[in-house]
């Protein structure tokens, strides 16, 4: 079937599933970066591991290039930085630019799942076991950065994927700064003070309602306390984030999955995930959160990993007509 008519993925399947790794032309030259090579003592799938960090195809902070590299632009504790990683014959080759370059390279193994422990996971369903065998390179990413995952997760609350991705793209490009290094059209997200100074009409133009904008403003006001959660146990980290009005279990789980590499932070309150889990494990596409959690009970402690493997299996129910109406508040 032509890709023109292939079903479009939902935000749920994209964030939990596979990010394709292109291959082909060489990247452009640049000023000498800091470099590091690391040979992971386990199979590594860069696309599956880092894919959840991508917020839509036009994410200005994330890019896959035709030479098979993954690029990230982040605001680290040391300042803006750009990281490029590629897997060559089992060795990770990394380059980094900007004030955050050394921080990026120091944390490279952690980012790519060195502290993850897939051996603690025991498949209990045939589909999950088959996917685990096919995808031995899946590791749970751990960025050590809270706000860069928290803010786009807040933007994704109760709206369509396209709307959320558009808002993130416009706000980062409009108020962030160009990423260091040879990265045209890549940007580092705004710092907390800049987020707090974005005028109300800019939020409106990006399609962000007052409720979500206010939640982001409350979070960046206590940015240091939020970032401390990256060193906590996942449940403690979620509790810290949920002290902010407007941040609930869905948003905190979506954040710590990426920032803390949380293997059990299953997402509840999602529009699609319960149906996907229900369809895969019990042929029940109408499953709710309670049913999903019951089906995932055998994976207690590893429920997020189980959900990732189910999403990677591609065993999702046929799409129905959208249940969430797209609303562009910028036109109001």
Foldseek 3Di string as FASTA:
>chain_A
DDPVPDDDDFLLLQLLAFDDFAADDDDDDWDAFDKDKDQDPFAADVGNACRNLDQDPLALQWDHDNNRKIKGWEQDPQGTKIKIWHADPRMIIMGMDDRCGVVCVVCVCQQRAPVFDCVVFDDDDPLLVVLCVVCVNHHQGADLFQLSQLLLLLLPPQAGSVLSSQLNLQQQVVQFACGPMPRPSHTYRHQLVSLLPDDPLSCLLSQHDPLSSVLSNQCSVPVVQLSVLLPPQLVVNLVSSPVRPSRDLQSSLSRCSHNNVQQQSDHAPDPQQQLLQCCQQPVHNPGHRVRSCVSQVVRHRRSNVSSSSSSHSVRGDDDDPDPRDHDRSSVD
